[in-house]
Amino acid sequence: MLHNTFLRLSVCVLGLVLSLSTAALAHPGHGTTDPANTIEHYTSEPVHTAPVLLVVAGVVYFVSRFISQKLRNR
């Protein structure tokens, strides 16, 4: 039980650190695409996509756990 709690906390802290550290790169010339083209810029730069993917992965994980617990309790 303690191992699972520590693992979840570690993943959350890692995601928070990764998402906050990307703000330091938000200056002109930080990417390879033109920032004026915002759709291409935000979907192709790893600096922007990594935090979004972490959040999506977290939501999928917690929703799947919630559903599996509900199915087990039937």
PDB file of N, CA and C in Angstrom:
ATOM      1  N   MET A   1       0.821  -1.197   0.000  1.00  0.00           N
ATOM      2  CA  MET A   1       0.000   0.000   0.000  1.00  0.00           C
ATOM      3  C   MET A   1       0.864   1.259   0.000  1.00  0.00           C
ATOM      4  N   LEU A   2       1.868   1.286   0.839  1.00  0.00           N
ATOM      5  CA  LEU A   2       2.743   2.451   0.913  1.00  0.00           C
ATOM      6  C   LEU A   2       3.507   2.641  -0.387  1.00  0.00           C
ATOM      7  N   HIS A   3       3.904   1.529  -1.020  1.00  0.00           N
ATOM      8  CA  HIS A   3       4.630   1.600  -2.287  1.00  0.00           C
ATOM      9  C   HIS A   3       3.770   2.249  -3.362  1.00  0.00           C
ATOM     10  N   ASN A   4       2.496   1.871  -3.465  1.00  0.00           N
ATOM     11  CA  ASN A   4       1.593   2.447  -4.465  1.00  0.00           C
ATOM     12  C   ASN A   4       1.377   3.935  -4.228  1.00  0.00           C
ATOM     13  N   THR A   5       1.232   4.337  -2.972  1.00  0.00           N
ATOM     14  CA  THR A   5       1.047   5.747  -2.649  1.00  0.00           C
ATOM     15  C   THR A   5       2.284   6.541  -3.017  1.00  0.00           C
ATOM     16  N   PHE A   6       3.447   6.025  -2.704  1.00  0.00           N
ATOM     17  CA  PHE A   6       4.697   6.709  -3.039  1.00  0.00           C
ATOM     18  C   PHE A   6       4.877   6.812  -4.547  1.00  0.00           C
ATOM     19  N   LEU A   7       4.532   5.757  -5.266  1.00  0.00           N
ATOM     20  CA  LEU A   7       4.649   5.765  -6.722  1.00  0.00           C
ATOM     21  C   LEU A   7       3.719   6.803  -7.333  1.00  0.00           C
ATOM     22  N   ARG A   8       2.470   6.860  -6.877  1.00  0.00           N
ATOM     23  CA  ARG A   8       1.528   7.863  -7.396  1.00  0.00           C
ATOM     24  C   ARG A   8       1.995   9.277  -7.083  1.00  0.00           C
ATOM     25  N   LEU A   9       2.477   9.488  -5.876  1.00  0.00           N
ATOM     26  CA  LEU A   9       2.967  10.811  -5.498  1.00  0.00           C
ATOM     27  C   LEU A   9       4.181  11.194  -6.333  1.00  0.00           C
ATOM     28  N   SER A  10       5.070  10.257  -6.578  1.00  0.00           N
ATOM     29  CA  SER A  10       6.255  10.522  -7.394  1.00  0.00           C
ATOM     30  C   SER A  10       5.882  10.905  -8.818  1.00  0.00           C
ATOM     31  N   VAL A  11       4.925  10.207  -9.394  1.00  0.00           N
ATOM     32  CA  VAL A  11       4.488  10.516 -10.758  1.00  0.00           C
ATOM     33  C   VAL A  11       3.845  11.893 -10.810  1.00  0.00           C
ATOM     34  N   CYS A  12       3.041  12.225  -9.821  1.00  0.00           N
ATOM     35  CA  CYS A  12       2.410  13.553  -9.785  1.00  0.00           C
ATOM     36  C   CYS A  12       3.441  14.665  -9.645  1.00  0.00           C
ATOM     37  N   VAL A  13       4.413  14.473  -8.786  1.00  0.00           N
ATOM     38  CA  VAL A  13       5.463  15.481  -8.602  1.00  0.00           C
ATOM     39  C   VAL A  13       6.290  15.614  -9.871  1.00  0.00           C
ATOM     40  N   LEU A  14       6.612  14.512 -10.515  1.00  0.00           N
ATOM     41  CA  LEU A  14       7.363  14.558 -11.764  1.00  0.00           C
ATOM     42  C   LEU A  14       6.590  15.315 -12.839  1.00  0.00           C
ATOM     43  N   GLY A  15       5.317  15.040 -12.961  1.00  0.00           N
ATOM     44  CA  GLY A  15       4.491  15.756 -13.931  1.00  0.00           C
ATOM     45  C   GLY A  15       4.429  17.235 -13.643  1.00  0.00           C
ATOM     46  N   LEU A  16       4.309  17.604 -12.376  1.00  0.00           N
ATOM     47  CA  LEU A  16       4.277  19.012 -11.998  1.00  0.00           C
ATOM     48  C   LEU A  16       5.593  19.701 -12.329  1.00  0.00           C
ATOM     49  N   VAL A  17       6.697  19.068 -12.000  1.00  0.00           N
ATOM     50  CA  VAL A  17       8.011  19.652 -12.287  1.00  0.00           C
ATOM     51  C   VAL A  17       8.222  19.812 -13.781  1.00  0.00           C
ATOM     52  N   LEU A  18       7.854  18.800 -14.555  1.00  0.00           N
ATOM     53  CA  LEU A  18       8.020  18.893 -16.008  1.00  0.00           C
ATOM     54  C   LEU A  18       7.144  19.980 -16.612  1.00  0.00           C
ATOM     55  N   SER A  19       5.930  20.121 -16.113  1.00  0.00           N
ATOM     56  CA  SER A  19       5.047  21.132 -16.686  1.00  0.00           C
ATOM     57  C   SER A  19       5.466  22.534 -16.282  1.00  0.00           C
ATOM     58  N   LEU A  20       6.014  22.712 -15.100  1.00  0.00           N
ATOM     59  CA  LEU A  20       6.453  24.043 -14.673  1.00  0.00           C
ATOM     60  C   LEU A  20       7.772  24.447 -15.319  1.00  0.00           C
ATOM     61  N   SER A  21       8.633  23.499 -15.572  1.00  0.00           N
ATOM     62  CA  SER A  21       9.934  23.830 -16.150  1.00  0.00           C
ATOM     63  C   SER A  21       9.822  24.279 -17.597  1.00  0.00           C
ATOM     64  N   THR A  22       8.755  23.915 -18.272  1.00  0.00           N
ATOM     65  CA  THR A  22       8.602  24.328 -19.666  1.00  0.00           C
ATOM     66  C   THR A  22       8.342  25.822 -19.782  1.00  0.00           C
ATOM     67  N   ALA A  23       7.837  26.446 -18.739  1.00  0.00           N
ATOM     68  CA  ALA A  23       7.585  27.890 -18.790  1.00  0.00           C
ATOM     69  C   ALA A  23       8.886  28.678 -18.933  1.00  0.00           C
ATOM     70  N   ALA A  24       9.981  28.115 -18.475  1.00  0.00           N
ATOM     71  CA  ALA A  24      11.267  28.803 -18.588  1.00  0.00           C
ATOM     72  C   ALA A  24      11.734  28.894 -20.033  1.00  0.00           C
ATOM     73  N   LEU A  25      11.206  28.066 -20.896  1.00  0.00           N
ATOM     74  CA  LEU A  25      11.607  28.068 -22.295  1.00  0.00           C
ATOM     75  C   LEU A  25      10.744  28.982 -23.158  1.00  0.00           C
ATOM     76  N   ALA A  26       9.784  29.651 -22.562  1.00  0.00           N
ATOM     77  CA  ALA A  26       8.845  30.473 -23.327  1.00  0.00           C
ATOM     78  C   ALA A  26       9.433  31.854 -23.624  1.00  0.00           C
ATOM     79  N   HIS A  27      10.320  31.884 -24.549  1.00  0.00           N
ATOM     80  CA  HIS A  27      10.910  33.136 -25.008  1.00  0.00           C
ATOM     81  C   HIS A  27      11.042  33.064 -26.515  1.00  0.00           C
ATOM     82  N   PRO A  28      11.184  34.191 -27.178  1.00  0.00           N
ATOM     83  CA  PRO A  28      11.295  34.153 -28.645  1.00  0.00           C
ATOM     84  C   PRO A  28      12.440  33.249 -29.105  1.00  0.00           C
ATOM     85  N   GLY A  29      12.147  32.419 -30.072  1.00  0.00           N
ATOM     86  CA  GLY A  29      13.168  31.536 -30.627  1.00  0.00           C
ATOM     87  C   GLY A  29      13.353  30.245 -29.879  1.00  0.00           C
ATOM     88  N   HIS A  30      12.440  29.900 -28.968  1.00  0.00           N
ATOM     89  CA  HIS A  30      12.633  28.677 -28.189  1.00  0.00           C
ATOM     90  C   HIS A  30      12.243  27.425 -28.950  1.00  0.00           C
ATOM     91  N   GLY A  31      11.567  27.561 -30.062  1.00  0.00           N
ATOM     92  CA  GLY A  31      11.141  26.377 -30.804  1.00  0.00           C
ATOM     93  C   GLY A  31      11.611  26.415 -32.233  1.00  0.00           C
ATOM     94  N   THR A  32      11.172  25.416 -32.984  1.00  0.00           N
ATOM     95  CA  THR A  32      11.577  25.339 -34.384  1.00  0.00           C
ATOM     96  C   THR A  32      10.483  25.809 -35.329  1.00  0.00           C
ATOM     97  N   THR A  33       9.274  26.035 -34.801  1.00  0.00           N
ATOM     98  CA  THR A  33       8.182  26.511 -35.641  1.00  0.00           C
ATOM     99  C   THR A  33       7.894  27.971 -35.347  1.00  0.00           C
ATOM    100  N   ASP A  34       7.187  28.609 -36.267  1.00  0.00           N
ATOM    101  CA  ASP A  34       6.832  30.012 -36.115  1.00  0.00           C
ATOM    102  C   ASP A  34       5.747  30.142 -35.044  1.00  0.00           C
ATOM    103  N   PRO A  35       6.006  30.897 -33.973  1.00  0.00           N
ATOM    104  CA  PRO A  35       5.000  31.043 -32.917  1.00  0.00           C
ATOM    105  C   PRO A  35       3.716  31.730 -33.385  1.00  0.00           C
ATOM    106  N   ALA A  36       3.768  32.436 -34.515  1.00  0.00           N
ATOM    107  CA  ALA A  36       2.566  33.091 -35.019  1.00  0.00           C
ATOM    108  C   ALA A  36       1.534  32.052 -35.474  1.00  0.00           C
ATOM    109  N   ASN A  37       1.984  30.905 -35.924  1.00  0.00           N
ATOM    110  CA  ASN A  37       1.093  29.817 -36.311  1.00  0.00           C
ATOM    111  C   ASN A  37       0.850  28.964 -35.064  1.00  0.00           C
ATOM    112  N   THR A  38      -0.066  29.387 -34.220  1.00  0.00           N
ATOM    113  CA  THR A  38      -0.201  28.800 -32.892  1.00  0.00           C
ATOM    114  C   THR A  38      -0.599  27.329 -32.900  1.00  0.00           C
ATOM    115  N   ILE A  39      -1.466  26.910 -33.810  1.00  0.00           N
ATOM    116  CA  ILE A  39      -1.893  25.502 -33.830  1.00  0.00           C
ATOM    117  C   ILE A  39      -0.695  24.599 -34.108  1.00  0.00           C
ATOM    118  N   GLU A  40       0.055  24.913 -35.139  1.00  0.00           N
ATOM    119  CA  GLU A  40       1.237  24.112 -35.469  1.00  0.00           C
ATOM    120  C   GLU A  40       2.269  24.189 -34.352  1.00  0.00           C
ATOM    121  N   HIS A  41       2.452  25.368 -33.803  1.00  0.00           N
ATOM    122  CA  HIS A  41       3.455  25.562 -32.753  1.00  0.00           C
ATOM    123  C   HIS A  41       3.126  24.723 -31.515  1.00  0.00           C
ATOM    124  N   TYR A  42       1.885  24.787 -31.055  1.00  0.00           N
ATOM    125  CA  TYR A  42       1.522  24.072 -29.832  1.00  0.00           C
ATOM    126  C   TYR A  42       1.388  22.573 -30.021  1.00  0.00           C
ATOM    127  N   THR A  43       1.140  22.108 -31.229  1.00  0.00           N
ATOM    128  CA  THR A  43       1.003  20.665 -31.433  1.00  0.00           C
ATOM    129  C   THR A  43       2.292  19.985 -31.860  1.00  0.00           C
ATOM    130  N   SER A  44       3.288  20.745 -32.305  1.00  0.00           N
ATOM    131  CA  SER A  44       4.509  20.107 -32.783  1.00  0.00           C
ATOM    132  C   SER A  44       5.707  20.300 -31.860  1.00  0.00           C
ATOM    133  N   GLU A  45       5.643  21.253 -30.961  1.00  0.00           N
ATOM    134  CA  GLU A  45       6.770  21.482 -30.048  1.00  0.00           C
ATOM    135  C   GLU A  45       6.662  20.574 -28.823  1.00  0.00           C
ATOM    136  N   PRO A  46       7.681  19.782 -28.543  1.00  0.00           N
ATOM    137  CA  PRO A  46       7.646  18.897 -27.372  1.00  0.00           C
ATOM    138  C   PRO A  46       7.471  19.652 -26.057  1.00  0.00           C
ATOM    139  N   VAL A  47       7.919  20.873 -26.025  1.00  0.00           N
ATOM    140  CA  VAL A  47       7.797  21.687 -24.820  1.00  0.00           C
ATOM    141  C   VAL A  47       6.324  21.887 -24.462  1.00  0.00           C
ATOM    142  N   HIS A  48       5.463  21.954 -25.466  1.00  0.00           N
ATOM    143  CA  HIS A  48       4.039  22.155 -25.223  1.00  0.00           C
ATOM    144  C   HIS A  48       3.272  20.839 -25.164  1.00  0.00           C
ATOM    145  N   THR A  49       3.694  19.857 -25.914  1.00  0.00           N
ATOM    146  CA  THR A  49       2.928  18.611 -25.966  1.00  0.00           C
ATOM    147  C   THR A  49       3.195  17.694 -24.777  1.00  0.00           C
ATOM    148  N   ALA A  50       4.385  17.729 -24.201  1.00  0.00           N
ATOM    149  CA  ALA A  50       4.705  16.830 -23.088  1.00  0.00           C
ATOM    150  C   ALA A  50       3.783  17.044 -21.882  1.00  0.00           C
ATOM    151  N   PRO A  51       3.568  18.266 -21.416  1.00  0.00           N
ATOM    152  CA  PRO A  51       2.641  18.431 -20.281  1.00  0.00           C
ATOM    153  C   PRO A  51       1.216  17.998 -20.607  1.00  0.00           C
ATOM    154  N   VAL A  52       0.774  18.266 -21.819  1.00  0.00           N
ATOM    155  CA  VAL A  52      -0.582  17.860 -22.208  1.00  0.00           C
ATOM    156  C   VAL A  52      -0.690  16.339 -22.198  1.00  0.00           C
ATOM    157  N   LEU A  53       0.322  15.666 -22.726  1.00  0.00           N
ATOM    158  CA  LEU A  53       0.302  14.198 -22.733  1.00  0.00           C
ATOM    159  C   LEU A  53       0.344  13.631 -21.319  1.00  0.00           C
ATOM    160  N   LEU A  54       1.087  14.273 -20.425  1.00  0.00           N
ATOM    161  CA  LEU A  54       1.124  13.824 -19.033  1.00  0.00           C
ATOM    162  C   LEU A  54      -0.249  13.957 -18.374  1.00  0.00           C
ATOM    163  N   VAL A  55      -0.912  15.053 -18.621  1.00  0.00           N
ATOM    164  CA  VAL A  55      -2.242  15.248 -18.046  1.00  0.00           C
ATOM    165  C   VAL A  55      -3.226  14.227 -18.617  1.00  0.00           C
ATOM    166  N   VAL A  56      -3.192  14.012 -19.918  1.00  0.00           N
ATOM    167  CA  VAL A  56      -4.081  13.035 -20.546  1.00  0.00           C
ATOM    168  C   VAL A  56      -3.806  11.637 -19.992  1.00  0.00           C
ATOM    169  N   ALA A  57      -2.540  11.275 -19.852  1.00  0.00           N
ATOM    170  CA  ALA A  57      -2.195   9.957 -19.306  1.00  0.00           C
ATOM    171  C   ALA A  57      -2.701   9.815 -17.872  1.00  0.00           C
ATOM    172  N   GLY A  58      -2.570  10.865 -17.095  1.00  0.00           N
ATOM    173  CA  GLY A  58      -3.063  10.829 -15.712  1.00  0.00           C
ATOM    174  C   GLY A  58      -4.566  10.669 -15.642  1.00  0.00           C
ATOM    175  N   VAL A  59      -5.285  11.393 -16.483  1.00  0.00           N
ATOM    176  CA  VAL A  59      -6.743  11.291 -16.502  1.00  0.00           C
ATOM    177  C   VAL A  59      -7.171   9.887 -16.925  1.00  0.00           C
ATOM    178  N   VAL A  60      -6.544   9.356 -17.957  1.00  0.00           N
ATOM    179  CA  VAL A  60      -6.875   8.001 -18.418  1.00  0.00           C
ATOM    180  C   VAL A  60      -6.607   6.984 -17.309  1.00  0.00           C
ATOM    181  N   TYR A  61      -5.492   7.121 -16.624  1.00  0.00           N
ATOM    182  CA  TYR A  61      -5.142   6.198 -15.544  1.00  0.00           C
ATOM    183  C   TYR A  61      -6.176   6.229 -14.427  1.00  0.00           C
ATOM    184  N   PHE A  62      -6.513   7.430 -13.950  1.00  0.00           N
ATOM    185  CA  PHE A  62      -7.431   7.530 -12.827  1.00  0.00           C
ATOM    186  C   PHE A  62      -8.861   7.155 -13.215  1.00  0.00           C
ATOM    187  N   VAL A  63      -9.283   7.464 -14.418  1.00  0.00           N
ATOM    188  CA  VAL A  63     -10.618   7.057 -14.863  1.00  0.00           C
ATOM    189  C   VAL A  63     -10.691   5.542 -15.004  1.00  0.00           C
ATOM    190  N   SER A  64      -9.650   4.927 -15.556  1.00  0.00           N
ATOM    191  CA  SER A  64      -9.659   3.469 -15.693  1.00  0.00           C
ATOM    192  C   SER A  64      -9.654   2.787 -14.334  1.00  0.00           C
ATOM    193  N   ARG A  65      -8.933   3.333 -13.377  1.00  0.00           N
ATOM    194  CA  ARG A  65      -8.948   2.763 -12.018  1.00  0.00           C
ATOM    195  C   ARG A  65     -10.320   2.918 -11.386  1.00  0.00           C
ATOM    196  N   PHE A  66     -10.937   4.070 -11.581  1.00  0.00           N
ATOM    197  CA  PHE A  66     -12.261   4.315 -11.028  1.00  0.00           C
ATOM    198  C   PHE A  66     -13.275   3.333 -11.602  1.00  0.00           C
ATOM    199  N   ILE A  67     -13.249   3.133 -12.898  1.00  0.00           N
ATOM    200  CA  ILE A  67     -14.182   2.217 -13.549  1.00  0.00           C
ATOM    201  C   ILE A  67     -13.940   0.782 -13.100  1.00  0.00           C
ATOM    202  N   SER A  68     -12.668   0.380 -13.008  1.00  0.00           N
ATOM    203  CA  SER A  68     -12.379  -0.999 -12.593  1.00  0.00           C
ATOM    204  C   SER A  68     -12.806  -1.237 -11.146  1.00  0.00           C
ATOM    205  N   GLN A  69     -12.671  -0.240 -10.283  1.00  0.00           N
ATOM    206  CA  GLN A  69     -13.125  -0.397  -8.899  1.00  0.00           C
ATOM    207  C   GLN A  69     -14.643  -0.493  -8.829  1.00  0.00           C
ATOM    208  N   LYS A  70     -15.328   0.288  -9.664  1.00  0.00           N
ATOM    209  CA  LYS A  70     -16.786   0.217  -9.690  1.00  0.00           C
ATOM    210  C   LYS A  70     -17.254  -1.156 -10.179  1.00  0.00           C
ATOM    211  N   LEU A  71     -16.572  -1.706 -11.171  1.00  0.00           N
ATOM    212  CA  LEU A  71     -16.948  -3.016 -11.695  1.00  0.00           C
ATOM    213  C   LEU A  71     -16.665  -4.113 -10.672  1.00  0.00           C
ATOM    214  N   ARG A  72     -15.594  -3.985  -9.910  1.00  0.00           N
ATOM    215  CA  ARG A  72     -15.270  -4.985  -8.882  1.00  0.00           C
ATOM    216  C   ARG A  72     -16.253  -4.968  -7.738  1.00  0.00           C
ATOM    217  N   ASN A  73     -16.812  -3.798  -7.434  1.00  0.00           N
ATOM    218  CA  ASN A  73     -17.724  -3.675  -6.291  1.00  0.00           C
ATOM    219  C   ASN A  73     -19.148  -4.097  -6.629  1.00  0.00           C
ATOM    220  N   ARG A  74     -19.426  -4.523  -7.826  1.00  0.00           N
ATOM    221  CA  ARG A  74     -20.779  -4.970  -8.195  1.00  0.00           C
ATOM    222  C   ARG A  74     -21.130  -6.268  -7.563  1.00  0.00           C
TER     223      ARG A  74
END
